[in-house]
N, C-alpha and C. Protein backbone atom coordinates (compact mmCIF):
# COMPACT_ATOMS: atom_id res chain seq x y z
N UNK A 1 59.95 -27.64 -35.71
CA UNK A 1 60.96 -28.31 -34.90
C UNK A 1 61.60 -27.33 -33.92
N UNK A 2 61.80 -26.10 -34.38
CA UNK A 2 62.47 -25.12 -33.52
C UNK A 2 61.62 -24.81 -32.29
N UNK A 3 60.32 -24.62 -32.50
CA UNK A 3 59.47 -24.28 -31.35
C UNK A 3 59.40 -25.43 -30.36
N UNK A 4 59.31 -26.64 -30.86
CA UNK A 4 59.27 -27.80 -29.94
C UNK A 4 60.59 -27.92 -29.19
N UNK A 5 61.71 -27.73 -29.89
CA UNK A 5 63.02 -27.85 -29.24
C UNK A 5 63.20 -26.78 -28.17
N UNK A 6 62.82 -25.55 -28.47
CA UNK A 6 62.96 -24.47 -27.48
C UNK A 6 62.06 -24.73 -26.28
N UNK A 7 60.82 -25.10 -26.54
CA UNK A 7 59.88 -25.36 -25.46
C UNK A 7 60.37 -26.50 -24.57
N UNK A 8 60.80 -27.59 -25.19
CA UNK A 8 61.27 -28.74 -24.42
C UNK A 8 62.55 -28.44 -23.67
N UNK A 9 63.49 -27.77 -24.33
CA UNK A 9 64.76 -27.41 -23.69
C UNK A 9 64.51 -26.52 -22.47
N UNK A 10 63.66 -25.51 -22.62
CA UNK A 10 63.38 -24.60 -21.51
C UNK A 10 62.72 -25.34 -20.35
N UNK A 11 61.81 -26.25 -20.67
CA UNK A 11 61.11 -27.00 -19.62
C UNK A 11 62.08 -27.90 -18.85
N UNK A 12 62.91 -28.61 -19.57
CA UNK A 12 63.89 -29.49 -18.90
C UNK A 12 64.85 -28.65 -18.05
N UNK A 13 65.28 -27.51 -18.56
CA UNK A 13 66.22 -26.66 -17.83
C UNK A 13 65.65 -26.15 -16.51
N UNK A 14 64.33 -25.96 -16.44
CA UNK A 14 63.73 -25.53 -15.17
C UNK A 14 64.03 -26.56 -14.08
N UNK A 15 64.01 -27.83 -14.44
CA UNK A 15 64.29 -28.89 -13.48
C UNK A 15 65.72 -28.90 -12.97
N UNK A 16 66.63 -28.24 -13.70
CA UNK A 16 68.03 -28.22 -13.31
C UNK A 16 68.49 -26.86 -12.79
N UNK A 17 67.55 -25.94 -12.62
CA UNK A 17 67.93 -24.60 -12.14
C UNK A 17 68.54 -24.67 -10.74
N UNK A 18 69.62 -23.94 -10.53
CA UNK A 18 70.14 -23.82 -9.17
C UNK A 18 69.17 -23.00 -8.32
N UNK A 19 69.27 -23.14 -7.03
CA UNK A 19 68.37 -22.43 -6.13
C UNK A 19 68.86 -21.01 -5.87
N UNK A 20 68.01 -20.23 -5.25
CA UNK A 20 68.37 -18.86 -4.88
C UNK A 20 69.55 -18.89 -3.90
N UNK A 21 69.57 -19.88 -3.02
CA UNK A 21 70.67 -19.99 -2.05
C UNK A 21 72.00 -20.26 -2.75
N UNK A 22 71.95 -20.90 -3.92
CA UNK A 22 73.18 -21.25 -4.64
C UNK A 22 73.70 -20.12 -5.52
N UNK A 23 72.81 -19.45 -6.24
CA UNK A 23 73.29 -18.42 -7.18
C UNK A 23 72.62 -17.06 -7.00
N UNK A 24 71.84 -16.92 -5.95
CA UNK A 24 71.25 -15.62 -5.65
C UNK A 24 70.20 -15.18 -6.66
N UNK A 25 70.26 -13.91 -6.98
CA UNK A 25 69.25 -13.29 -7.83
C UNK A 25 69.17 -13.90 -9.22
N UNK A 26 70.23 -14.57 -9.65
CA UNK A 26 70.23 -15.17 -10.98
C UNK A 26 69.23 -16.32 -11.10
N UNK A 27 68.90 -16.97 -9.99
CA UNK A 27 67.94 -18.09 -10.05
C UNK A 27 66.57 -17.61 -10.55
N UNK A 28 65.97 -16.57 -9.96
CA UNK A 28 64.67 -16.14 -10.50
C UNK A 28 64.79 -15.51 -11.89
N UNK A 29 65.92 -14.88 -12.18
CA UNK A 29 66.09 -14.31 -13.52
C UNK A 29 66.11 -15.42 -14.56
N UNK A 30 66.88 -16.48 -14.29
CA UNK A 30 66.92 -17.62 -15.22
C UNK A 30 65.54 -18.26 -15.36
N UNK A 31 64.81 -18.36 -14.24
CA UNK A 31 63.48 -18.96 -14.28
C UNK A 31 62.55 -18.13 -15.17
N UNK A 32 62.58 -16.82 -15.03
CA UNK A 32 61.73 -15.96 -15.85
C UNK A 32 62.11 -16.08 -17.33
N UNK A 33 63.39 -16.11 -17.62
CA UNK A 33 63.84 -16.25 -19.02
C UNK A 33 63.36 -17.58 -19.60
N UNK A 34 63.48 -18.65 -18.84
CA UNK A 34 63.03 -19.96 -19.32
C UNK A 34 61.52 -19.98 -19.53
N UNK A 35 60.78 -19.36 -18.63
CA UNK A 35 59.32 -19.31 -18.78
C UNK A 35 58.92 -18.48 -19.99
N UNK A 36 59.65 -17.40 -20.26
CA UNK A 36 59.38 -16.60 -21.46
C UNK A 36 59.64 -17.43 -22.71
N UNK A 37 60.74 -18.17 -22.72
CA UNK A 37 61.03 -19.03 -23.87
C UNK A 37 59.92 -20.08 -24.06
N UNK A 38 59.46 -20.65 -22.95
CA UNK A 38 58.38 -21.62 -23.03
C UNK A 38 57.13 -20.98 -23.64
N UNK A 39 56.78 -19.81 -23.14
CA UNK A 39 55.57 -19.14 -23.62
C UNK A 39 55.64 -18.75 -25.08
N UNK A 40 56.77 -18.18 -25.48
CA UNK A 40 56.92 -17.78 -26.88
C UNK A 40 56.87 -18.99 -27.81
N UNK A 41 57.56 -20.04 -27.43
CA UNK A 41 57.57 -21.23 -28.30
C UNK A 41 56.21 -21.92 -28.30
N UNK A 42 55.53 -21.94 -27.17
CA UNK A 42 54.19 -22.54 -27.14
C UNK A 42 53.24 -21.73 -28.02
N UNK A 43 53.36 -20.40 -27.97
CA UNK A 43 52.53 -19.57 -28.82
C UNK A 43 52.78 -19.82 -30.29
N UNK A 44 54.05 -19.98 -30.66
CA UNK A 44 54.37 -20.30 -32.04
C UNK A 44 53.90 -21.67 -32.45
N UNK A 45 53.98 -22.59 -31.54
CA UNK A 45 53.60 -23.97 -31.83
C UNK A 45 52.09 -24.10 -32.01
N UNK A 46 51.32 -23.42 -31.21
CA UNK A 46 49.87 -23.59 -31.30
C UNK A 46 49.33 -23.04 -32.62
N UNK A 47 49.93 -21.95 -33.11
CA UNK A 47 49.50 -21.42 -34.41
C UNK A 47 49.80 -22.38 -35.54
N UNK A 48 51.01 -22.92 -35.54
CA UNK A 48 51.38 -23.90 -36.56
C UNK A 48 50.54 -25.17 -36.47
N UNK A 49 50.25 -25.59 -35.26
CA UNK A 49 49.44 -26.79 -35.07
C UNK A 49 48.02 -26.58 -35.58
N UNK A 50 47.47 -25.39 -35.33
CA UNK A 50 46.12 -25.10 -35.80
C UNK A 50 46.06 -25.14 -37.32
N UNK A 51 47.05 -24.57 -37.97
CA UNK A 51 47.09 -24.59 -39.44
C UNK A 51 47.23 -26.02 -39.94
N UNK A 52 48.13 -26.76 -39.33
CA UNK A 52 48.37 -28.15 -39.75
C UNK A 52 47.08 -28.97 -39.63
N UNK A 53 46.41 -28.86 -38.48
CA UNK A 53 45.18 -29.61 -38.28
C UNK A 53 44.09 -29.18 -39.26
N UNK A 54 43.98 -27.88 -39.46
CA UNK A 54 42.95 -27.37 -40.36
C UNK A 54 43.16 -27.85 -41.79
N UNK A 55 44.39 -27.84 -42.25
CA UNK A 55 44.66 -28.27 -43.62
C UNK A 55 44.50 -29.78 -43.80
N UNK A 56 44.66 -30.55 -42.74
CA UNK A 56 44.48 -32.00 -42.84
C UNK A 56 43.04 -32.43 -42.54
N UNK A 57 42.25 -31.56 -41.97
CA UNK A 57 40.91 -31.95 -41.53
C UNK A 57 39.93 -32.18 -42.67
N UNK A 58 40.19 -31.57 -43.81
CA UNK A 58 39.22 -31.69 -44.90
C UNK A 58 38.04 -30.76 -44.65
N UNK A 59 37.05 -30.85 -45.48
CA UNK A 59 35.90 -29.93 -45.36
C UNK A 59 34.82 -30.43 -44.43
N UNK A 60 34.75 -31.72 -44.23
CA UNK A 60 33.68 -32.28 -43.40
C UNK A 60 34.11 -32.29 -41.92
N UNK A 61 33.34 -31.65 -41.09
CA UNK A 61 33.58 -31.60 -39.64
C UNK A 61 34.93 -30.97 -39.30
N UNK A 62 35.36 -30.00 -40.06
CA UNK A 62 36.66 -29.36 -39.84
C UNK A 62 36.73 -28.73 -38.44
N UNK A 63 35.69 -28.03 -38.04
CA UNK A 63 35.68 -27.39 -36.72
C UNK A 63 35.80 -28.40 -35.58
N UNK A 64 35.06 -29.50 -35.71
CA UNK A 64 35.13 -30.54 -34.68
C UNK A 64 36.53 -31.13 -34.59
N UNK A 65 37.11 -31.42 -35.74
CA UNK A 65 38.42 -32.06 -35.76
C UNK A 65 39.50 -31.12 -35.21
N UNK A 66 39.42 -29.85 -35.56
CA UNK A 66 40.45 -28.92 -35.07
C UNK A 66 40.21 -28.49 -33.63
N UNK A 67 39.02 -28.73 -33.11
CA UNK A 67 38.74 -28.34 -31.72
C UNK A 67 39.55 -29.15 -30.72
N UNK A 68 40.06 -30.29 -31.14
CA UNK A 68 40.85 -31.12 -30.22
C UNK A 68 42.13 -30.41 -29.79
N UNK A 69 42.62 -29.50 -30.60
CA UNK A 69 43.81 -28.72 -30.22
C UNK A 69 43.53 -27.92 -28.95
N UNK A 70 42.33 -27.36 -28.84
CA UNK A 70 41.97 -26.57 -27.66
C UNK A 70 41.82 -27.45 -26.42
N UNK A 71 41.57 -28.71 -26.61
CA UNK A 71 41.43 -29.64 -25.50
C UNK A 71 42.77 -30.03 -24.89
N UNK A 72 43.84 -29.92 -25.67
CA UNK A 72 45.15 -30.38 -25.21
C UNK A 72 45.71 -29.55 -24.04
N UNK A 73 45.45 -28.26 -24.02
CA UNK A 73 45.93 -27.41 -22.92
C UNK A 73 45.38 -27.87 -21.57
N UNK A 74 44.05 -27.95 -21.44
CA UNK A 74 43.49 -28.44 -20.17
C UNK A 74 43.92 -29.87 -19.82
N UNK A 75 44.08 -30.73 -20.82
CA UNK A 75 44.55 -32.09 -20.54
C UNK A 75 45.99 -32.06 -20.02
N UNK A 76 46.82 -31.18 -20.56
CA UNK A 76 48.18 -31.04 -20.07
C UNK A 76 48.22 -30.56 -18.63
N UNK A 77 47.36 -29.61 -18.31
CA UNK A 77 47.28 -29.11 -16.93
C UNK A 77 46.81 -30.23 -16.00
N UNK A 78 45.84 -31.01 -16.44
CA UNK A 78 45.36 -32.13 -15.64
C UNK A 78 46.47 -33.15 -15.41
N UNK A 79 47.22 -33.48 -16.45
CA UNK A 79 48.31 -34.45 -16.32
C UNK A 79 49.39 -33.94 -15.37
N UNK A 80 49.74 -32.67 -15.48
CA UNK A 80 50.78 -32.14 -14.59
C UNK A 80 50.29 -32.07 -13.15
N UNK A 81 49.01 -31.76 -12.95
CA UNK A 81 48.45 -31.74 -11.60
C UNK A 81 48.46 -33.14 -11.00
N UNK A 82 48.15 -34.14 -11.80
CA UNK A 82 48.20 -35.52 -11.31
C UNK A 82 49.63 -35.93 -10.94
N UNK A 83 50.61 -35.51 -11.75
CA UNK A 83 52.01 -35.80 -11.43
C UNK A 83 52.37 -35.22 -10.07
N UNK A 84 52.01 -33.97 -9.85
CA UNK A 84 52.33 -33.31 -8.58
C UNK A 84 51.63 -34.01 -7.42
N UNK A 85 50.36 -34.36 -7.60
CA UNK A 85 49.61 -35.04 -6.53
C UNK A 85 50.25 -36.38 -6.18
N UNK A 86 50.66 -37.12 -7.20
CA UNK A 86 51.30 -38.43 -6.96
C UNK A 86 52.63 -38.24 -6.25
N UNK A 87 53.43 -37.28 -6.71
CA UNK A 87 54.72 -37.04 -6.06
C UNK A 87 54.55 -36.59 -4.61
N UNK A 88 53.55 -35.75 -4.35
CA UNK A 88 53.33 -35.31 -2.97
C UNK A 88 52.85 -36.44 -2.09
N UNK A 89 52.16 -37.41 -2.68
CA UNK A 89 51.71 -38.56 -1.89
C UNK A 89 52.88 -39.50 -1.58
N UNK A 90 53.79 -39.70 -2.55
CA UNK A 90 54.90 -40.63 -2.37
C UNK A 90 56.06 -40.04 -1.59
N UNK A 91 56.28 -38.75 -1.69
CA UNK A 91 57.44 -38.12 -1.05
C UNK A 91 57.02 -37.37 0.21
N UNK A 92 57.96 -37.23 1.12
CA UNK A 92 57.69 -36.39 2.28
C UNK A 92 57.68 -34.94 1.82
N UNK A 93 57.16 -34.07 2.67
CA UNK A 93 57.08 -32.66 2.29
C UNK A 93 58.47 -32.08 2.04
N UNK A 94 59.45 -32.44 2.88
CA UNK A 94 60.81 -31.92 2.68
C UNK A 94 61.44 -32.47 1.41
N UNK A 95 61.20 -33.75 1.09
CA UNK A 95 61.72 -34.32 -0.15
C UNK A 95 61.12 -33.62 -1.37
N UNK A 96 59.80 -33.38 -1.30
CA UNK A 96 59.15 -32.72 -2.42
C UNK A 96 59.70 -31.31 -2.62
N UNK A 97 59.88 -30.58 -1.53
CA UNK A 97 60.38 -29.22 -1.65
C UNK A 97 61.85 -29.18 -2.05
N UNK A 98 62.63 -30.17 -1.64
CA UNK A 98 64.06 -30.20 -1.98
C UNK A 98 64.28 -30.56 -3.45
N UNK A 99 63.68 -31.66 -3.90
CA UNK A 99 63.94 -32.12 -5.27
C UNK A 99 62.72 -32.68 -5.99
N UNK A 100 61.69 -33.06 -5.28
CA UNK A 100 60.54 -33.72 -5.90
C UNK A 100 59.80 -32.88 -6.91
N UNK A 101 59.75 -31.57 -6.69
CA UNK A 101 59.05 -30.69 -7.62
C UNK A 101 59.75 -30.65 -8.98
N UNK A 102 61.02 -31.06 -9.01
CA UNK A 102 61.79 -31.04 -10.26
C UNK A 102 61.49 -32.25 -11.17
N UNK A 103 60.95 -33.32 -10.60
CA UNK A 103 60.74 -34.57 -11.34
C UNK A 103 59.90 -34.37 -12.61
N UNK A 104 58.77 -33.65 -12.55
CA UNK A 104 58.00 -33.46 -13.79
C UNK A 104 58.81 -32.73 -14.89
N UNK A 105 59.67 -31.82 -14.49
CA UNK A 105 60.49 -31.12 -15.48
C UNK A 105 61.53 -32.07 -16.08
N UNK A 106 62.09 -32.95 -15.26
CA UNK A 106 63.02 -33.94 -15.78
C UNK A 106 62.30 -34.92 -16.71
N UNK A 107 61.10 -35.31 -16.32
CA UNK A 107 60.32 -36.26 -17.12
C UNK A 107 59.93 -35.66 -18.47
N UNK A 108 59.91 -34.35 -18.55
CA UNK A 108 59.55 -33.71 -19.82
C UNK A 108 60.59 -33.99 -20.90
N UNK A 109 61.78 -34.44 -20.52
CA UNK A 109 62.78 -34.82 -21.51
C UNK A 109 62.27 -35.99 -22.35
N UNK A 110 61.56 -36.91 -21.72
CA UNK A 110 60.97 -38.04 -22.46
C UNK A 110 59.91 -37.52 -23.42
N UNK A 111 59.09 -36.59 -22.94
CA UNK A 111 58.05 -36.01 -23.81
C UNK A 111 58.68 -35.24 -24.97
N UNK A 112 59.79 -34.57 -24.71
CA UNK A 112 60.48 -33.84 -25.78
C UNK A 112 60.97 -34.81 -26.85
N UNK A 113 61.55 -35.92 -26.43
CA UNK A 113 62.04 -36.90 -27.41
C UNK A 113 60.89 -37.48 -28.23
N UNK A 114 59.77 -37.75 -27.57
CA UNK A 114 58.60 -38.27 -28.29
C UNK A 114 58.08 -37.22 -29.27
N UNK A 115 58.01 -35.97 -28.83
CA UNK A 115 57.51 -34.89 -29.69
C UNK A 115 58.40 -34.70 -30.91
N UNK A 116 59.70 -34.74 -30.72
CA UNK A 116 60.63 -34.58 -31.85
C UNK A 116 60.46 -35.75 -32.82
N UNK A 117 60.35 -36.95 -32.30
CA UNK A 117 60.15 -38.13 -33.15
C UNK A 117 58.86 -38.00 -33.95
N UNK A 118 57.77 -37.64 -33.26
CA UNK A 118 56.48 -37.52 -33.94
C UNK A 118 56.51 -36.39 -34.97
N UNK A 119 57.12 -35.29 -34.64
CA UNK A 119 57.17 -34.16 -35.57
C UNK A 119 57.94 -34.54 -36.82
N UNK A 120 59.02 -35.28 -36.66
CA UNK A 120 59.81 -35.69 -37.83
C UNK A 120 59.04 -36.66 -38.71
N UNK A 121 58.09 -37.39 -38.14
CA UNK A 121 57.35 -38.38 -38.93
C UNK A 121 56.11 -37.79 -39.61
N UNK A 122 55.77 -36.53 -39.32
CA UNK A 122 54.60 -35.92 -39.94
C UNK A 122 54.87 -35.59 -41.40
N UNK A 123 53.85 -35.75 -42.21
CA UNK A 123 53.93 -35.37 -43.61
C UNK A 123 53.56 -33.91 -43.75
N UNK A 124 53.98 -33.31 -44.84
CA UNK A 124 53.59 -31.94 -45.11
C UNK A 124 52.09 -31.88 -45.36
N UNK A 125 51.51 -30.70 -45.22
CA UNK A 125 50.08 -30.54 -45.43
C UNK A 125 49.76 -30.64 -46.92
N UNK A 126 48.54 -31.02 -47.24
CA UNK A 126 48.15 -31.10 -48.66
C UNK A 126 48.31 -29.76 -49.39
N UNK A 127 48.02 -28.67 -48.70
CA UNK A 127 48.16 -27.34 -49.33
C UNK A 127 49.62 -27.08 -49.68
N UNK A 128 50.53 -27.40 -48.78
CA UNK A 128 51.96 -27.20 -49.04
C UNK A 128 52.42 -28.08 -50.20
N UNK A 129 51.99 -29.33 -50.20
CA UNK A 129 52.38 -30.25 -51.28
C UNK A 129 51.88 -29.76 -52.63
N UNK A 130 50.65 -29.21 -52.66
CA UNK A 130 50.11 -28.68 -53.91
C UNK A 130 50.93 -27.48 -54.39
N UNK A 131 51.30 -26.60 -53.47
CA UNK A 131 52.14 -25.46 -53.85
C UNK A 131 53.51 -25.92 -54.33
N UNK A 132 54.05 -26.95 -53.71
CA UNK A 132 55.35 -27.46 -54.11
C UNK A 132 55.28 -28.06 -55.52
N UNK A 133 54.17 -28.71 -55.84
CA UNK A 133 53.99 -29.26 -57.18
C UNK A 133 53.98 -28.16 -58.23
N UNK A 134 53.35 -27.06 -57.88
CA UNK A 134 53.25 -25.94 -58.81
C UNK A 134 54.55 -25.13 -58.86
N UNK A 135 55.47 -25.49 -58.00
CA UNK A 135 56.77 -24.83 -57.90
C UNK A 135 56.64 -23.33 -57.70
N UNK A 136 55.66 -22.95 -56.89
CA UNK A 136 55.50 -21.54 -56.58
C UNK A 136 56.45 -21.20 -55.44
N UNK A 137 57.24 -20.18 -55.65
CA UNK A 137 58.18 -19.77 -54.61
C UNK A 137 57.52 -18.69 -53.76
N UNK A 138 57.45 -18.94 -52.46
CA UNK A 138 56.90 -17.98 -51.54
C UNK A 138 58.02 -17.19 -50.89
N UNK A 139 57.82 -15.88 -50.80
CA UNK A 139 58.80 -15.06 -50.10
C UNK A 139 58.70 -15.33 -48.61
N UNK A 140 59.78 -15.10 -47.93
CA UNK A 140 59.79 -15.26 -46.48
C UNK A 140 58.89 -14.19 -45.85
N UNK A 141 57.98 -14.63 -44.99
CA UNK A 141 57.10 -13.69 -44.30
C UNK A 141 57.91 -12.76 -43.41
N UNK A 142 58.98 -13.25 -42.82
CA UNK A 142 59.82 -12.41 -41.98
C UNK A 142 60.41 -11.26 -42.79
N UNK A 143 60.91 -11.56 -43.99
CA UNK A 143 61.46 -10.50 -44.84
C UNK A 143 60.37 -9.52 -45.26
N UNK A 144 59.17 -10.03 -45.52
CA UNK A 144 58.06 -9.14 -45.87
C UNK A 144 57.76 -8.17 -44.73
N UNK A 145 57.88 -8.64 -43.50
CA UNK A 145 57.62 -7.77 -42.35
C UNK A 145 58.61 -6.61 -42.30
N UNK A 146 59.86 -6.86 -42.65
CA UNK A 146 60.85 -5.80 -42.60
C UNK A 146 60.69 -4.81 -43.76
N UNK A 147 60.03 -5.22 -44.83
CA UNK A 147 59.81 -4.32 -45.96
C UNK A 147 58.71 -3.31 -45.68
N UNK A 148 57.73 -3.67 -44.89
CA UNK A 148 56.59 -2.81 -44.61
C UNK A 148 56.93 -1.81 -43.50
N UNK A 149 56.92 -0.49 -43.77
CA UNK A 149 57.30 0.49 -42.76
C UNK A 149 56.37 0.49 -41.54
N UNK A 150 55.08 0.22 -41.75
CA UNK A 150 54.14 0.21 -40.63
C UNK A 150 54.45 -0.95 -39.68
N UNK A 151 54.74 -2.12 -40.24
CA UNK A 151 55.08 -3.28 -39.42
C UNK A 151 56.42 -3.06 -38.73
N UNK A 152 57.38 -2.47 -39.43
CA UNK A 152 58.67 -2.16 -38.81
C UNK A 152 58.49 -1.26 -37.60
N UNK A 153 57.62 -0.28 -37.72
CA UNK A 153 57.37 0.65 -36.62
C UNK A 153 56.77 -0.11 -35.42
N UNK A 154 55.84 -0.99 -35.68
CA UNK A 154 55.22 -1.77 -34.60
C UNK A 154 56.22 -2.73 -33.96
N UNK A 155 57.07 -3.33 -34.78
CA UNK A 155 58.09 -4.24 -34.24
C UNK A 155 59.07 -3.47 -33.35
N UNK A 156 59.44 -2.26 -33.76
CA UNK A 156 60.34 -1.45 -32.94
C UNK A 156 59.67 -1.11 -31.62
N UNK A 157 58.39 -0.73 -31.68
CA UNK A 157 57.65 -0.39 -30.46
C UNK A 157 57.58 -1.60 -29.52
N UNK A 158 57.31 -2.79 -30.08
CA UNK A 158 57.26 -4.01 -29.28
C UNK A 158 58.62 -4.31 -28.66
N UNK A 159 59.68 -4.17 -29.46
CA UNK A 159 61.03 -4.40 -28.96
C UNK A 159 61.36 -3.42 -27.84
N UNK A 160 61.03 -2.14 -28.02
CA UNK A 160 61.29 -1.13 -27.00
C UNK A 160 60.52 -1.43 -25.72
N UNK A 161 59.24 -1.80 -25.87
CA UNK A 161 58.42 -2.13 -24.69
C UNK A 161 58.99 -3.36 -23.97
N UNK A 162 59.45 -4.35 -24.73
CA UNK A 162 60.03 -5.54 -24.11
C UNK A 162 61.29 -5.19 -23.33
N UNK A 163 62.12 -4.31 -23.88
CA UNK A 163 63.32 -3.88 -23.16
C UNK A 163 62.96 -3.16 -21.87
N UNK A 164 61.89 -2.37 -21.92
CA UNK A 164 61.46 -1.66 -20.71
C UNK A 164 61.00 -2.63 -19.64
N UNK A 165 60.31 -3.69 -20.04
CA UNK A 165 59.86 -4.70 -19.08
C UNK A 165 61.06 -5.40 -18.46
N UNK A 166 62.04 -5.77 -19.28
CA UNK A 166 63.25 -6.42 -18.77
C UNK A 166 63.99 -5.49 -17.81
N UNK A 167 64.11 -4.23 -18.19
CA UNK A 167 64.79 -3.26 -17.32
C UNK A 167 64.05 -3.12 -16.00
N UNK A 168 62.72 -3.07 -16.03
CA UNK A 168 61.93 -2.99 -14.81
C UNK A 168 62.16 -4.21 -13.93
N UNK A 169 62.19 -5.40 -14.54
CA UNK A 169 62.41 -6.63 -13.77
C UNK A 169 63.78 -6.62 -13.09
N UNK A 170 64.81 -6.21 -13.82
CA UNK A 170 66.14 -6.15 -13.23
C UNK A 170 66.17 -5.13 -12.08
N UNK A 171 65.51 -3.99 -12.26
CA UNK A 171 65.46 -3.00 -11.19
C UNK A 171 64.74 -3.55 -9.97
N UNK A 172 63.64 -4.26 -10.21
CA UNK A 172 62.89 -4.84 -9.09
C UNK A 172 63.71 -5.90 -8.38
N UNK A 173 64.42 -6.74 -9.13
CA UNK A 173 65.27 -7.76 -8.51
C UNK A 173 66.38 -7.12 -7.69
N UNK A 174 66.98 -6.06 -8.22
CA UNK A 174 68.05 -5.38 -7.46
C UNK A 174 67.49 -4.76 -6.19
N UNK A 175 66.30 -4.20 -6.27
CA UNK A 175 65.67 -3.61 -5.08
C UNK A 175 65.38 -4.68 -4.04
N UNK A 176 64.87 -5.82 -4.50
CA UNK A 176 64.57 -6.92 -3.57
C UNK A 176 65.86 -7.43 -2.95
N UNK A 177 66.90 -7.54 -3.74
CA UNK A 177 68.17 -8.04 -3.23
C UNK A 177 68.74 -7.10 -2.18
N UNK A 178 68.65 -5.78 -2.43
CA UNK A 178 69.16 -4.82 -1.44
C UNK A 178 68.32 -4.82 -0.19
N UNK A 179 67.01 -5.06 -0.32
CA UNK A 179 66.12 -5.03 0.82
C UNK A 179 66.30 -6.21 1.74
N UNK A 180 66.74 -7.35 1.19
CA UNK A 180 66.83 -8.55 2.02
C UNK A 180 68.17 -8.71 2.66
């Protein structure tokens, strides 16, 4: 639920972003932050979806059944391209550039509500239900990561590298702002 909520919230927020003329350098910074949130949550969602599909697929034709997950990305791109094409056909170029490009992001609010509804109606996987019957308590994987010194070292390195990327982006934005 968290990954779907973050992904949907970030997508809808893109449609409401102020322009560069309105808030300056903060507009592209907010856009990058929202896109990062979308990417991280989509990455988390696809892993969970793959596990869910695999555990529900059974042993017969498991690969075929789970392959549909890989089809959803291209279908999403096709649907968004069709939305843009339709909007560009119905709106003038100035209307599309002023507000029309935001319509697909606003429409994603409907998709978010549908996704939340569908996610709430899903049953747990058979593997999870079997473990719950056996009353086996699983430790939190996140806590396990902090216990392992090698993983802690890698997480610190990733965090440090991420901070460096953010710092570079802010420096580049400041340079662009001073140049213009």
